[in-house]
Amino acid sequence: MIPNQWYAVLESREVRPGKLLAVMRMGERLVFARESSGRVFCLRDRCAHRGAALSAGKLLGDRVQCPFHGFRYDSSGRGRLIPANGANAPVPARFKVVSYPAFEAHGFVWIWWGEGPPAGIGEPFFFEDIDSSFSYRTAVDPWDTHYSRGIENQLDVVHLPFVHHNTIGRGGQTLVNGPVVEWKGRDRMIVRPFNAVDRGQVPLKPADIAPPYPAFHLDFRFPNLWQNWIAESMRIVAAFVPVDDERMLLYLRFYQKFVRVPGLRAIFNRIFMPFNLIIAHQDRRIVATQRPRASGLNIGENLVRGDGPIAAYRARRQELIEEAKTGAKPSRRR
């Protein structure tokens, strides 16, 4: 995983008032809860006393109570009560649980994974062209792969006529023109595919394809959000949520705004979602077989020109990992 990033890790609806939610994310056992104000917080799921799972305990007001000896922690992870020492006894500073800054918006919960966010970091990114005029439905799908492989699959324009030969890849467009990769800032990548039927022509290089481009495109934002911009009124959004080094959860959303009547739009969204899962499962079956599990720059693969978006993703991902290690900010290659 890339340290020092905001990761979308849950849907808001999963964190219920008055309840503790235990999950595995980023290879760690975490517990989520809401304060009485409604604000979501996240702690490492391990009591600072003797290592019991806090998620097996209770949420008492704004405090998490360990089930083993009743120690209580606030939303920052600071110990607030050791019952055995008495209600008025001070709690030593060493009784502190690791906490992760959390942010909630657009129906997602993000955590800042790594060291504390620097001052002025701002809120995590979402797609500004998806507003409240859209409605959506979500499916959560487990994949036996590293989250980086799931991301690469959604940037891969070469696989469509093979993996999706009877769905979105119909038509036998096996020849890959481009694809064009555009960077919007340092961490947002737009991919424009131009696949075609192979009639013996030479594929066009990305530099040979000039704007204006069709509206359809793929939109990826580091570290783990992706949008399939199908039409002005229809989008597919995915959060590739790391569980550990070999598993991820695909939070898959179908957005639309052409059906606006509340009852009808809920029915339409529910009906359309299974088709998106069929496509995702066609991908999942193949991606789970890839070795090594995680992506990287030097993993023994031989890329072709059509893999340009994957090469670009890998290069930027490695830069972000190096930035987190050194604090440096290498310039973006254009």
C-alpha atoms as a PDB file:
ATOM      1  CA  MET A   1       0.000   0.000   0.000  1.00  0.00           C
ATOM      2  CA  ILE A   2       1.042   3.612  -0.551  1.00  0.00           C
ATOM      3  CA  PRO A   3       1.519   5.298   2.847  1.00  0.00           C
ATOM      4  CA  ASN A   4       0.313   8.787   3.707  1.00  0.00           C
ATOM      5  CA  GLN A   5      -2.844   8.789   1.612  1.00  0.00           C
ATOM      6  CA  TRP A   6      -6.593   9.092   2.153  1.00  0.00           C
ATOM      7  CA  TYR A   7      -8.114   5.673   1.382  1.00  0.00           C
ATOM      8  CA  ALA A   8     -11.833   5.086   0.898  1.00  0.00           C
ATOM      9  CA  VAL A   9     -12.395   2.017   3.088  1.00  0.00           C
ATOM     10  CA  LEU A  10     -16.091   1.766   3.972  1.00  0.00           C
ATOM     11  CA  GLU A  11     -19.559   2.974   3.115  1.00  0.00           C
ATOM     12  CA  SER A  12     -21.106   5.356   5.618  1.00  0.00           C
ATOM     13  CA  ARG A  13     -24.071   3.052   6.187  1.00  0.00           C
ATOM     14  CA  GLU A  14     -21.764   0.365   7.581  1.00  0.00           C
ATOM     15  CA  VAL A  15     -20.866   2.459  10.647  1.00  0.00           C
ATOM     16  CA  ARG A  16     -24.066   2.410  12.699  1.00  0.00           C
ATOM     17  CA  PRO A  17     -24.758   4.716  15.657  1.00  0.00           C
ATOM     18  CA  GLY A  18     -24.084   3.086  19.013  1.00  0.00           C
ATOM     19  CA  LYS A  19     -22.270   0.111  17.480  1.00  0.00           C
ATOM     20  CA  LEU A  20     -18.638  -0.915  17.015  1.00  0.00           C
ATOM     21  CA  LEU A  21     -17.602  -2.150  13.586  1.00  0.00           C
ATOM     22  CA  ALA A  22     -14.612  -4.498  13.302  1.00  0.00           C
ATOM     23  CA  VAL A  23     -12.932  -4.764   9.893  1.00  0.00           C
ATOM     24  CA  MET A  24      -9.624  -5.772   8.359  1.00  0.00           C
ATOM     25  CA  ARG A  25      -8.163  -2.951   6.279  1.00  0.00           C
ATOM     26  CA  MET A  26      -4.627  -2.213   5.107  1.00  0.00           C
ATOM     27  CA  GLY A  27      -3.538  -5.475   6.721  1.00  0.00           C
ATOM     28  CA  GLU A  28      -4.640  -4.236  10.162  1.00  0.00           C
ATOM     29  CA  ARG A  29      -7.583  -5.030  12.394  1.00  0.00           C
ATOM     30  CA  LEU A  30      -9.470  -1.772  12.870  1.00  0.00           C
ATOM     31  CA  VAL A  31     -12.565  -0.721  14.775  1.00  0.00           C
ATOM     32  CA  PHE A  32     -14.881   2.063  13.610  1.00  0.00           C
ATOM     33  CA  ALA A  33     -17.560   3.896  15.559  1.00  0.00           C
ATOM     34  CA  ARG A  34     -19.514   7.148  15.674  1.00  0.00           C
ATOM     35  CA  GLU A  35     -19.360   9.746  18.389  1.00  0.00           C
ATOM     36  CA  SER A  36     -22.666  11.087  19.688  1.00  0.00           C
ATOM     37  CA  SER A  37     -22.207  14.000  17.252  1.00  0.00           C
ATOM     38  CA  GLY A  38     -22.234  11.495  14.371  1.00  0.00           C
ATOM     39  CA  ARG A  39     -18.545  11.903  13.542  1.00  0.00           C
ATOM     40  CA  VAL A  40     -16.840   8.664  12.508  1.00  0.00           C
ATOM     41  CA  PHE A  41     -13.579   7.630  14.164  1.00  0.00           C
ATOM     42  CA  CYS A  42     -11.164   4.743  13.691  1.00  0.00           C
ATOM     43  CA  LEU A  43      -8.874   2.942  16.149  1.00  0.00           C
ATOM     44  CA  ARG A  44      -6.554  -0.006  15.865  1.00  0.00           C
ATOM     45  CA  ASP A  45      -8.532  -2.932  17.250  1.00  0.00           C
ATOM     46  CA  ARG A  46      -6.176  -3.760  20.114  1.00  0.00           C
ATOM     47  CA  CYS A  47      -6.349  -2.633  23.724  1.00  0.00           C
ATOM     48  CA  ALA A  48      -3.176  -0.962  24.984  1.00  0.00           C
ATOM     49  CA  HIS A  49      -3.455  -2.964  28.219  1.00  0.00           C
ATOM     50  CA  ARG A  50      -3.268  -6.629  27.207  1.00  0.00           C
ATOM     51  CA  GLY A  51      -4.103  -6.714  23.527  1.00  0.00           C
ATOM     52  CA  ALA A  52      -7.763  -7.723  23.548  1.00  0.00           C
ATOM     53  CA  ALA A  53      -9.962  -6.758  20.599  1.00  0.00           C
ATOM     54  CA  LEU A  54     -11.754  -3.514  21.408  1.00  0.00           C
ATOM     55  CA  SER A  55     -14.428  -4.397  18.859  1.00  0.00           C
ATOM     56  CA  ALA A  56     -15.643  -7.156  21.197  1.00  0.00           C
ATOM     57  CA  GLY A  57     -16.427  -4.479  23.774  1.00  0.00           C
ATOM     58  CA  LYS A  58     -18.965  -1.670  23.888  1.00  0.00           C
ATOM     59  CA  LEU A  59     -19.433   1.910  22.790  1.00  0.00           C
ATOM     60  CA  LEU A  60     -20.373   3.890  25.894  1.00  0.00           C
ATOM     61  CA  GLY A  61     -21.226   7.416  24.789  1.00  0.00           C
ATOM     62  CA  ASP A  62     -18.094   8.591  22.968  1.00  0.00           C
ATOM     63  CA  ARG A  63     -15.814   6.007  24.623  1.00  0.00           C
ATOM     64  CA  VAL A  64     -14.820   2.521  23.512  1.00  0.00           C
ATOM     65  CA  GLN A  65     -14.756   0.084  26.418  1.00  0.00           C
ATOM     66  CA  CYS A  66     -12.464  -2.937  26.256  1.00  0.00           C
ATOM     67  CA  PRO A  67     -14.347  -6.181  27.011  1.00  0.00           C
ATOM     68  CA  PHE A  68     -11.473  -7.651  29.055  1.00  0.00           C
ATOM     69  CA  HIS A  69     -10.832  -5.227  31.930  1.00  0.00           C
ATOM     70  CA  GLY A  70     -13.114  -2.300  31.100  1.00  0.00           C
ATOM     71  CA  PHE A  71     -10.445   0.191  29.995  1.00  0.00           C
ATOM     72  CA  ARG A  72     -12.003   3.080  28.080  1.00  0.00           C
ATOM     73  CA  TYR A  73     -10.589   5.076  25.167  1.00  0.00           C
ATOM     74  CA  ASP A  74     -11.756   8.242  23.421  1.00  0.00           C
ATOM     75  CA  SER A  75     -11.940   8.780  19.663  1.00  0.00           C
ATOM     76  CA  SER A  76      -8.269   9.825  19.536  1.00  0.00           C
ATOM     77  CA  GLY A  77      -7.249   6.529  21.158  1.00  0.00           C
ATOM     78  CA  ARG A  78      -6.278   8.150  24.445  1.00  0.00           C
ATOM     79  CA  GLY A  79      -6.995   6.114  27.568  1.00  0.00           C
ATOM     80  CA  ARG A  80      -9.637   7.787  29.744  1.00  0.00           C
ATOM     81  CA  LEU A  81     -10.437   5.216  32.433  1.00  0.00           C
ATOM     82  CA  ILE A  82      -8.749   2.274  34.139  1.00  0.00           C
ATOM     83  CA  PRO A  83     -11.542   0.867  36.349  1.00  0.00           C
ATOM     84  CA  ALA A  84      -9.164  -1.095  38.564  1.00  0.00           C
ATOM     85  CA  ASN A  85      -7.414   2.161  39.534  1.00  0.00           C
ATOM     86  CA  GLY A  86     -10.609   4.015  40.370  1.00  0.00           C
ATOM     87  CA  ALA A  87     -12.821   6.469  38.516  1.00  0.00           C
ATOM     88  CA  ASN A  88     -10.761   9.512  39.533  1.00  0.00           C
ATOM     89  CA  ALA A  89      -7.293   8.071  38.932  1.00  0.00           C
ATOM     90  CA  PRO A  90      -5.267   9.670  36.107  1.00  0.00           C
ATOM     91  CA  VAL A  91      -4.559   7.436  33.119  1.00  0.00           C
ATOM     92  CA  PRO A  92      -0.859   7.220  32.164  1.00  0.00           C
ATOM     93  CA  ALA A  93      -0.022   8.403  28.631  1.00  0.00           C
ATOM     94  CA  ARG A  94       1.257   4.966  27.641  1.00  0.00           C
ATOM     95  CA  PHE A  95      -2.331   3.705  27.609  1.00  0.00           C
ATOM     96  CA  LYS A  96      -3.039   4.938  24.094  1.00  0.00           C
ATOM     97  CA  VAL A  97      -4.427   3.073  21.094  1.00  0.00           C
ATOM     98  CA  VAL A  98      -3.283   3.940  17.574  1.00  0.00           C
ATOM     99  CA  SER A  99      -5.927   6.066  15.844  1.00  0.00           C
ATOM    100  CA  TYR A 100      -6.354   6.947  12.177  1.00  0.00           C
ATOM    101  CA  PRO A 101      -7.898  10.241  11.041  1.00  0.00           C
ATOM    102  CA  ALA A 102     -11.266   9.563   9.413  1.00  0.00           C
ATOM    103  CA  PHE A 103     -13.358  11.592   6.996  1.00  0.00           C
ATOM    104  CA  GLU A 104     -16.886  10.987   5.767  1.00  0.00           C
ATOM    105  CA  ALA A 105     -18.490  12.326   2.587  1.00  0.00           C
ATOM    106  CA  HIS A 106     -20.352  11.139  -0.523  1.00  0.00           C
ATOM    107  CA  GLY A 107     -21.452   8.024   1.335  1.00  0.00           C
ATOM    108  CA  PHE A 108     -17.843   6.857   1.858  1.00  0.00           C
ATOM    109  CA  VAL A 109     -15.591   6.754   4.904  1.00  0.00           C
ATOM    110  CA  TRP A 110     -11.900   7.471   4.327  1.00  0.00           C
ATOM    111  CA  ILE A 111      -8.956   6.974   6.652  1.00  0.00           C
ATOM    112  CA  TRP A 112      -5.531   8.605   6.443  1.00  0.00           C
ATOM    113  CA  TRP A 113      -3.225   5.587   6.401  1.00  0.00           C
ATOM    114  CA  GLY A 114       0.317   6.340   7.472  1.00  0.00           C
ATOM    115  CA  GLU A 115       1.703   9.116   9.592  1.00  0.00           C
ATOM    116  CA  GLY A 116      -0.628  11.888  10.729  1.00  0.00           C
ATOM    117  CA  PRO A 117      -1.806  14.100   7.863  1.00  0.00           C
ATOM    118  CA  PRO A 118       0.201  17.304   7.480  1.00  0.00           C
ATOM    119  CA  ALA A 119      -1.415  20.621   8.349  1.00  0.00           C
ATOM    120  CA  GLY A 120      -3.672  21.883   5.603  1.00  0.00           C
ATOM    121  CA  ILE A 121      -3.971  18.504   3.853  1.00  0.00           C
ATOM    122  CA  GLY A 122      -7.666  19.070   3.140  1.00  0.00           C
ATOM    123  CA  GLU A 123     -10.361  16.509   2.569  1.00  0.00           C
ATOM    124  CA  PRO A 124      -9.986  13.447   0.354  1.00  0.00           C
ATOM    125  CA  PHE A 125     -10.821  13.617  -3.319  1.00  0.00           C
ATOM    126  CA  PHE A 126     -14.087  12.633  -4.929  1.00  0.00           C
ATOM    127  CA  PHE A 127     -15.291  13.168  -8.481  1.00  0.00           C
ATOM    128  CA  GLU A 128     -16.564  16.729  -8.715  1.00  0.00           C
ATOM    129  CA  ASP A 129     -18.787  15.902 -11.701  1.00  0.00           C
ATOM    130  CA  ILE A 130     -20.890  13.518  -9.574  1.00  0.00           C
ATOM    131  CA  ASP A 131     -23.249  15.684  -7.548  1.00  0.00           C
ATOM    132  CA  SER A 132     -26.497  15.291  -5.632  1.00  0.00           C
ATOM    133  CA  SER A 133     -28.495  15.055  -8.860  1.00  0.00           C
ATOM    134  CA  PHE A 134     -27.217  11.464  -9.196  1.00  0.00           C
ATOM    135  CA  SER A 135     -28.625   8.497  -7.318  1.00  0.00           C
ATOM    136  CA  TYR A 136     -26.640   5.321  -6.831  1.00  0.00           C
ATOM    137  CA  ARG A 137     -26.624   1.746  -5.615  1.00  0.00           C
ATOM    138  CA  THR A 138     -23.605  -0.079  -4.185  1.00  0.00           C
ATOM    139  CA  ALA A 139     -22.425  -3.676  -4.224  1.00  0.00           C
ATOM    140  CA  VAL A 140     -19.481  -4.881  -2.125  1.00  0.00           C
ATOM    141  CA  ASP A 141     -17.540  -7.685  -3.780  1.00  0.00           C
ATOM    142  CA  PRO A 142     -14.599  -9.644  -2.265  1.00  0.00           C
ATOM    143  CA  TRP A 143     -11.603 -10.342  -4.540  1.00  0.00           C
ATOM    144  CA  ASP A 144      -8.664 -12.639  -3.779  1.00  0.00           C
ATOM    145  CA  THR A 145      -6.038 -10.263  -5.085  1.00  0.00           C
ATOM    146  CA  HIS A 146      -3.965  -7.258  -4.076  1.00  0.00           C
ATOM    147  CA  TYR A 147      -5.860  -4.012  -4.565  1.00  0.00           C
ATOM    148  CA  SER A 148      -3.249  -2.757  -7.081  1.00  0.00           C
ATOM    149  CA  ARG A 149      -4.168  -5.601  -9.452  1.00  0.00           C
ATOM    150  CA  GLY A 150      -7.828  -4.653  -9.187  1.00  0.00           C
ATOM    151  CA  ILE A 151      -6.973  -1.070 -10.124  1.00  0.00           C
ATOM    152  CA  GLU A 152      -4.832  -2.132 -13.061  1.00  0.00           C
ATOM    153  CA  ASN A 153      -7.642  -4.289 -14.375  1.00  0.00           C
ATOM    154  CA  GLN A 154      -9.859  -1.216 -14.660  1.00  0.00           C
ATOM    155  CA  LEU A 155      -7.129   0.664 -16.543  1.00  0.00           C
ATOM    156  CA  ASP A 156      -6.549  -2.278 -18.912  1.00  0.00           C
ATOM    157  CA  VAL A 157      -8.079  -1.697 -22.352  1.00  0.00           C
ATOM    158  CA  VAL A 158      -6.401  -4.748 -23.946  1.00  0.00           C
ATOM    159  CA  HIS A 159      -8.438  -7.379 -22.079  1.00  0.00           C
ATOM    160  CA  LEU A 160     -11.940  -6.228 -23.035  1.00  0.00           C
ATOM    161  CA  PRO A 161     -12.649  -8.412 -26.117  1.00  0.00           C
ATOM    162  CA  PHE A 162     -11.328 -11.503 -24.360  1.00  0.00           C
ATOM    163  CA  VAL A 163     -12.493 -11.369 -20.750  1.00  0.00           C
ATOM    164  CA  HIS A 164     -15.766  -9.619 -21.673  1.00  0.00           C
ATOM    165  CA  HIS A 165     -16.355 -11.208 -25.076  1.00  0.00           C
ATOM    166  CA  ASN A 166     -20.089 -11.666 -24.405  1.00  0.00           C
ATOM    167  CA  THR A 167     -20.754  -8.424 -22.474  1.00  0.00           C
ATOM    168  CA  ILE A 168     -18.994  -5.055 -22.800  1.00  0.00           C
ATOM    169  CA  GLY A 169     -16.263  -6.505 -25.054  1.00  0.00           C
ATOM    170  CA  ARG A 170     -18.550  -7.706 -27.811  1.00  0.00           C
ATOM    171  CA  GLY A 171     -17.535  -6.753 -31.317  1.00  0.00           C
ATOM    172  CA  GLY A 172     -14.027  -8.211 -31.429  1.00  0.00           C
ATOM    173  CA  GLN A 173     -12.182  -4.872 -31.127  1.00  0.00           C
ATOM    174  CA  THR A 174      -8.839  -6.510 -30.406  1.00  0.00           C
ATOM    175  CA  LEU A 175      -6.622  -3.850 -31.985  1.00  0.00           C
ATOM    176  CA  VAL A 176      -5.617  -1.145 -29.501  1.00  0.00           C
ATOM    177  CA  ASN A 177      -5.082   2.385 -30.807  1.00  0.00           C
ATOM    178  CA  GLY A 178      -3.367   4.550 -28.207  1.00  0.00           C
ATOM    179  CA  PRO A 179      -4.590   4.499 -25.518  1.00  0.00           C
ATOM    180  CA  VAL A 180      -4.221   8.154 -24.558  1.00  0.00           C
ATOM    181  CA  VAL A 181      -3.195   8.881 -20.961  1.00  0.00           C
ATOM    182  CA  GLU A 182      -3.680  12.406 -19.589  1.00  0.00           C
ATOM    183  CA  TRP A 183      -2.587  13.616 -16.157  1.00  0.00           C
ATOM    184  CA  LYS A 184      -4.835  16.074 -14.334  1.00  0.00           C
ATOM    185  CA  GLY A 185      -2.514  17.257 -11.604  1.00  0.00           C
ATOM    186  CA  ARG A 186      -0.132  14.866  -9.921  1.00  0.00           C
ATOM    187  CA  ASP A 187      -2.500  12.128  -8.895  1.00  0.00           C
ATOM    188  CA  ARG A 188      -5.397  11.988 -11.341  1.00  0.00           C
ATOM    189  CA  MET A 189      -5.140   9.960 -14.527  1.00  0.00           C
ATOM    190  CA  ILE A 190      -7.563  10.058 -17.456  1.00  0.00           C
ATOM    191  CA  VAL A 191      -7.473   7.086 -19.847  1.00  0.00           C
ATOM    192  CA  ARG A 192      -9.056   7.329 -23.306  1.00  0.00           C
ATOM    193  CA  PRO A 193      -9.430   4.005 -25.158  1.00  0.00           C
ATOM    194  CA  PHE A 194      -9.701   3.727 -28.955  1.00  0.00           C
ATOM    195  CA  ASN A 195      -9.995  -0.008 -29.603  1.00  0.00           C
ATOM    196  CA  ALA A 196     -10.923  -1.145 -33.099  1.00  0.00           C
ATOM    197  CA  VAL A 197     -11.534  -4.266 -35.172  1.00  0.00           C
ATOM    198  CA  ASP A 198      -8.269  -5.560 -36.608  1.00  0.00           C
ATOM    199  CA  ARG A 199      -8.461  -5.288 -40.402  1.00  0.00           C
ATOM    200  CA  GLY A 200      -4.712  -5.402 -40.903  1.00  0.00           C
ATOM    201  CA  GLN A 201      -4.097  -1.728 -40.105  1.00  0.00           C
ATOM    202  CA  VAL A 202      -1.199  -0.505 -37.949  1.00  0.00           C
ATOM    203  CA  PRO A 203      -2.356   0.616 -34.486  1.00  0.00           C
ATOM    204  CA  LEU A 204      -2.164   4.346 -33.876  1.00  0.00           C
ATOM    205  CA  LYS A 205       0.296   5.557 -31.254  1.00  0.00           C
ATOM    206  CA  PRO A 206      -1.078   7.806 -28.494  1.00  0.00           C
ATOM    207  CA  ALA A 207       0.658  10.811 -30.096  1.00  0.00           C
ATOM    208  CA  ASP A 208      -1.182  10.121 -33.361  1.00  0.00           C
ATOM    209  CA  ILE A 209      -4.597  10.577 -31.743  1.00  0.00           C
ATOM    210  CA  ALA A 210      -5.528  14.240 -31.488  1.00  0.00           C
ATOM    211  CA  PRO A 211      -8.442  15.904 -29.680  1.00  0.00           C
ATOM    212  CA  PRO A 212     -11.313  16.484 -29.627  1.00  0.00           C
ATOM    213  CA  TYR A 213     -11.810  13.155 -27.884  1.00  0.00           C
ATOM    214  CA  PRO A 214     -15.074  11.282 -27.327  1.00  0.00           C
ATOM    215  CA  ALA A 215     -16.691  11.991 -23.966  1.00  0.00           C
ATOM    216  CA  PHE A 216     -16.298   8.407 -22.729  1.00  0.00           C
ATOM    217  CA  HIS A 217     -13.198   7.912 -20.575  1.00  0.00           C
ATOM    218  CA  LEU A 218     -11.783   6.268 -17.472  1.00  0.00           C
ATOM    219  CA  ASP A 219     -10.887   8.517 -14.540  1.00  0.00           C
ATOM    220  CA  PHE A 220      -8.563   7.241 -11.782  1.00  0.00           C
ATOM    221  CA  ARG A 221      -7.507   9.091  -8.662  1.00  0.00           C
ATOM    222  CA  PHE A 222      -4.763   7.813  -6.354  1.00  0.00           C
ATOM    223  CA  PRO A 223      -4.777   5.892  -4.192  1.00  0.00           C
ATOM    224  CA  ASN A 224      -7.950   3.853  -4.818  1.00  0.00           C
ATOM    225  CA  LEU A 225     -10.879   5.581  -6.588  1.00  0.00           C
ATOM    226  CA  TRP A 226     -11.938   5.040 -10.222  1.00  0.00           C
ATOM    227  CA  GLN A 227     -14.749   6.268 -12.426  1.00  0.00           C
ATOM    228  CA  ASN A 228     -16.030   4.909 -15.723  1.00  0.00           C
ATOM    229  CA  TRP A 229     -17.469   8.017 -17.378  1.00  0.00           C
ATOM    230  CA  ILE A 230     -20.066   6.335 -19.604  1.00  0.00           C
ATOM    231  CA  ALA A 231     -22.296   9.316 -20.271  1.00  0.00           C
ATOM    232  CA  GLU A 232     -23.240  12.640 -18.713  1.00  0.00           C
ATOM    233  CA  SER A 233     -26.086  10.891 -16.908  1.00  0.00           C
ATOM    234  CA  MET A 234     -24.478   7.516 -16.115  1.00  0.00           C
ATOM    235  CA  ARG A 235     -21.261   6.493 -14.314  1.00  0.00           C
ATOM    236  CA  ILE A 236     -19.664   3.500 -12.654  1.00  0.00           C
ATOM    237  CA  VAL A 237     -17.503   4.259  -9.608  1.00  0.00           C
ATOM    238  CA  ALA A 238     -15.253   1.810  -7.796  1.00  0.00           C
ATOM    239  CA  ALA A 239     -13.236   1.969  -4.593  1.00  0.00           C
ATOM    240  CA  PHE A 240     -10.522  -0.685  -4.475  1.00  0.00           C
ATOM    241  CA  VAL A 241     -10.288  -1.244  -0.734  1.00  0.00           C
ATOM    242  CA  PRO A 242      -7.190  -3.036   0.580  1.00  0.00           C
ATOM    243  CA  VAL A 243      -7.978  -5.777   3.088  1.00  0.00           C
ATOM    244  CA  ASP A 244      -4.438  -7.162   3.263  1.00  0.00           C
ATOM    245  CA  ASP A 245      -1.640  -8.084   0.858  1.00  0.00           C
ATOM    246  CA  GLU A 246      -3.722 -10.776  -0.857  1.00  0.00           C
ATOM    247  CA  ARG A 247      -7.317  -9.579  -0.612  1.00  0.00           C
ATOM    248  CA  MET A 248      -9.369  -6.533  -1.493  1.00  0.00           C
ATOM    249  CA  LEU A 249     -13.001  -5.449  -1.466  1.00  0.00           C
ATOM    250  CA  LEU A 250     -14.495  -3.864  -4.560  1.00  0.00           C
ATOM    251  CA  TYR A 251     -17.016  -1.209  -3.571  1.00  0.00           C
ATOM    252  CA  LEU A 252     -18.856  -0.911  -6.865  1.00  0.00           C
ATOM    253  CA  ARG A 253     -21.399   1.856  -7.463  1.00  0.00           C
ATOM    254  CA  PHE A 254     -23.798   2.474 -10.317  1.00  0.00           C
ATOM    255  CA  TYR A 255     -24.713   6.174 -10.630  1.00  0.00           C
ATOM    256  CA  GLN A 256     -27.446   7.619 -12.844  1.00  0.00           C
ATOM    257  CA  LYS A 257     -29.607  10.741 -13.060  1.00  0.00           C
ATOM    258  CA  PHE A 258     -31.930  10.073 -15.982  1.00  0.00           C
ATOM    259  CA  VAL A 259     -34.515   8.375 -13.734  1.00  0.00           C
ATOM    260  CA  ARG A 260     -35.338  10.911 -11.019  1.00  0.00           C
ATOM    261  CA  VAL A 261     -38.641   9.759  -9.478  1.00  0.00           C
ATOM    262  CA  PRO A 262     -37.539   8.379  -6.066  1.00  0.00           C
ATOM    263  CA  GLY A 263     -39.370   5.026  -6.174  1.00  0.00           C
ATOM    264  CA  LEU A 264     -38.614   4.368  -9.824  1.00  0.00           C
ATOM    265  CA  ARG A 265     -34.952   5.322  -9.582  1.00  0.00           C
ATOM    266  CA  ALA A 266     -34.417   2.930  -6.660  1.00  0.00           C
ATOM    267  CA  ILE A 267     -35.981   0.112  -8.690  1.00  0.00           C
ATOM    268  CA  PHE A 268     -33.929   0.982 -11.769  1.00  0.00           C
ATOM    269  CA  ASN A 269     -30.672   1.131  -9.802  1.00  0.00           C
ATOM    270  CA  ARG A 270     -31.403  -2.211  -8.165  1.00  0.00           C
ATOM    271  CA  ILE A 271     -32.212  -3.862 -11.503  1.00  0.00           C
ATOM    272  CA  PHE A 272     -29.096  -2.534 -13.236  1.00  0.00           C
ATOM    273  CA  MET A 273     -26.612  -3.499 -10.496  1.00  0.00           C
ATOM    274  CA  PRO A 274     -26.462  -7.257 -11.248  1.00  0.00           C
ATOM    275  CA  PHE A 275     -25.170  -6.541 -14.767  1.00  0.00           C
ATOM    276  CA  ASN A 276     -22.273  -4.583 -13.299  1.00  0.00           C
ATOM    277  CA  LEU A 277     -21.476  -7.503 -11.006  1.00  0.00           C
ATOM    278  CA  ILE A 278     -21.503  -9.929 -13.932  1.00  0.00           C
ATOM    279  CA  ILE A 279     -18.820  -7.814 -15.604  1.00  0.00           C
ATOM    280  CA  ALA A 280     -16.851  -7.507 -12.365  1.00  0.00           C
ATOM    281  CA  HIS A 281     -16.939 -11.257 -11.835  1.00  0.00           C
ATOM    282  CA  GLN A 282     -15.626 -11.866 -15.334  1.00  0.00           C
ATOM    283  CA  ASP A 283     -12.636  -9.753 -14.299  1.00  0.00           C
ATOM    284  CA  ARG A 284     -12.338 -11.259 -10.819  1.00  0.00           C
ATOM    285  CA  ARG A 285     -12.005 -14.813 -12.140  1.00  0.00           C
ATOM    286  CA  ILE A 286      -8.899 -13.890 -14.162  1.00  0.00           C
ATOM    287  CA  VAL A 287      -7.284 -11.268 -11.934  1.00  0.00           C
ATOM    288  CA  ALA A 288      -7.244 -13.737  -9.017  1.00  0.00           C
ATOM    289  CA  THR A 289      -4.877 -15.938 -11.042  1.00  0.00           C
ATOM    290  CA  GLN A 290      -2.211 -13.243 -11.548  1.00  0.00           C
ATOM    291  CA  ARG A 291       1.163 -13.748  -9.882  1.00  0.00           C
ATOM    292  CA  PRO A 292       2.704 -12.074  -8.081  1.00  0.00           C
ATOM    293  CA  ARG A 293      -0.343 -10.856  -6.193  1.00  0.00           C
ATOM    294  CA  ALA A 294       0.800  -7.239  -5.998  1.00  0.00           C
ATOM    295  CA  SER A 295       1.752  -5.008  -8.905  1.00  0.00           C
ATOM    296  CA  GLY A 296       5.149  -3.364  -9.228  1.00  0.00           C
ATOM    297  CA  LEU A 297       7.762  -2.020 -11.612  1.00  0.00           C
ATOM    298  CA  ASN A 298       9.969  -5.099 -11.856  1.00  0.00           C
ATOM    299  CA  ILE A 299       7.793  -8.160 -11.435  1.00  0.00           C
ATOM    300  CA  GLY A 300       8.800 -10.136 -14.518  1.00  0.00           C
ATOM    301  CA  GLU A 301       6.020  -9.020 -16.858  1.00  0.00           C
ATOM    302  CA  ASN A 302       6.425  -7.962 -20.501  1.00  0.00           C
ATOM    303  CA  LEU A 303       4.119  -5.055 -21.301  1.00  0.00           C
ATOM    304  CA  VAL A 304       2.936  -3.963 -24.746  1.00  0.00           C
ATOM    305  CA  ARG A 305       2.064  -0.472 -25.958  1.00  0.00           C
ATOM    306  CA  GLY A 306      -1.611  -1.000 -25.156  1.00  0.00           C
ATOM    307  CA  ASP A 307      -0.565  -1.410 -21.520  1.00  0.00           C
ATOM    308  CA  GLY A 308       0.434   2.268 -21.383  1.00  0.00           C
ATOM    309  CA  PRO A 309      -2.082   3.152 -18.635  1.00  0.00           C
ATOM    310  CA  ILE A 310      -0.797   0.290 -16.481  1.00  0.00           C
ATOM    311  CA  ALA A 311       2.818   1.395 -16.968  1.00  0.00           C
ATOM    312  CA  ALA A 312       1.839   4.956 -16.050  1.00  0.00           C
ATOM    313  CA  TYR A 313      -0.011   3.775 -12.944  1.00  0.00           C
ATOM    314  CA  ARG A 314       2.940   1.679 -11.787  1.00  0.00           C
ATOM    315  CA  ALA A 315       5.435   4.494 -12.281  1.00  0.00           C
ATOM    316  CA  ARG A 316       3.356   7.024 -10.333  1.00  0.00           C
ATOM    317  CA  ARG A 317       2.539   4.499  -7.614  1.00  0.00           C
ATOM    318  CA  GLN A 318       6.247   3.869  -7.090  1.00  0.00           C
ATOM    319  CA  GLU A 319       6.898   7.616  -6.946  1.00  0.00           C
ATOM    320  CA  LEU A 320       4.275   8.009  -4.235  1.00  0.00           C
ATOM    321  CA  ILE A 321       5.794   5.169  -2.224  1.00  0.00           C
ATOM    322  CA  GLU A 322       9.236   6.806  -2.486  1.00  0.00           C
ATOM    323  CA  GLU A 323       7.795  10.181  -1.498  1.00  0.00           C
ATOM    324  CA  ALA A 324       6.321   8.626   1.624  1.00  0.00           C
ATOM    325  CA  LYS A 325       9.706   7.132   2.514  1.00  0.00           C
ATOM    326  CA  THR A 326      11.845  10.199   1.915  1.00  0.00           C
ATOM    327  CA  GLY A 327       9.482  13.157   2.114  1.00  0.00           C
ATOM    328  CA  ALA A 328      10.716  14.249  -1.324  1.00  0.00           C
ATOM    329  CA  LYS A 329       8.385  15.253  -4.147  1.00  0.00           C
ATOM    330  CA  PRO A 330       9.821  14.101  -7.479  1.00  0.00           C
ATOM    331  CA  SER A 331       8.581  16.026 -10.479  1.00  0.00           C
ATOM    332  CA  ARG A 332       5.796  14.468 -12.525  1.00  0.00           C
ATOM    333  CA  ARG A 333       7.033  13.123 -15.865  1.00  0.00           C
ATOM    334  CA  ARG A 334       4.772  14.367 -18.638  1.00  0.00           C
END
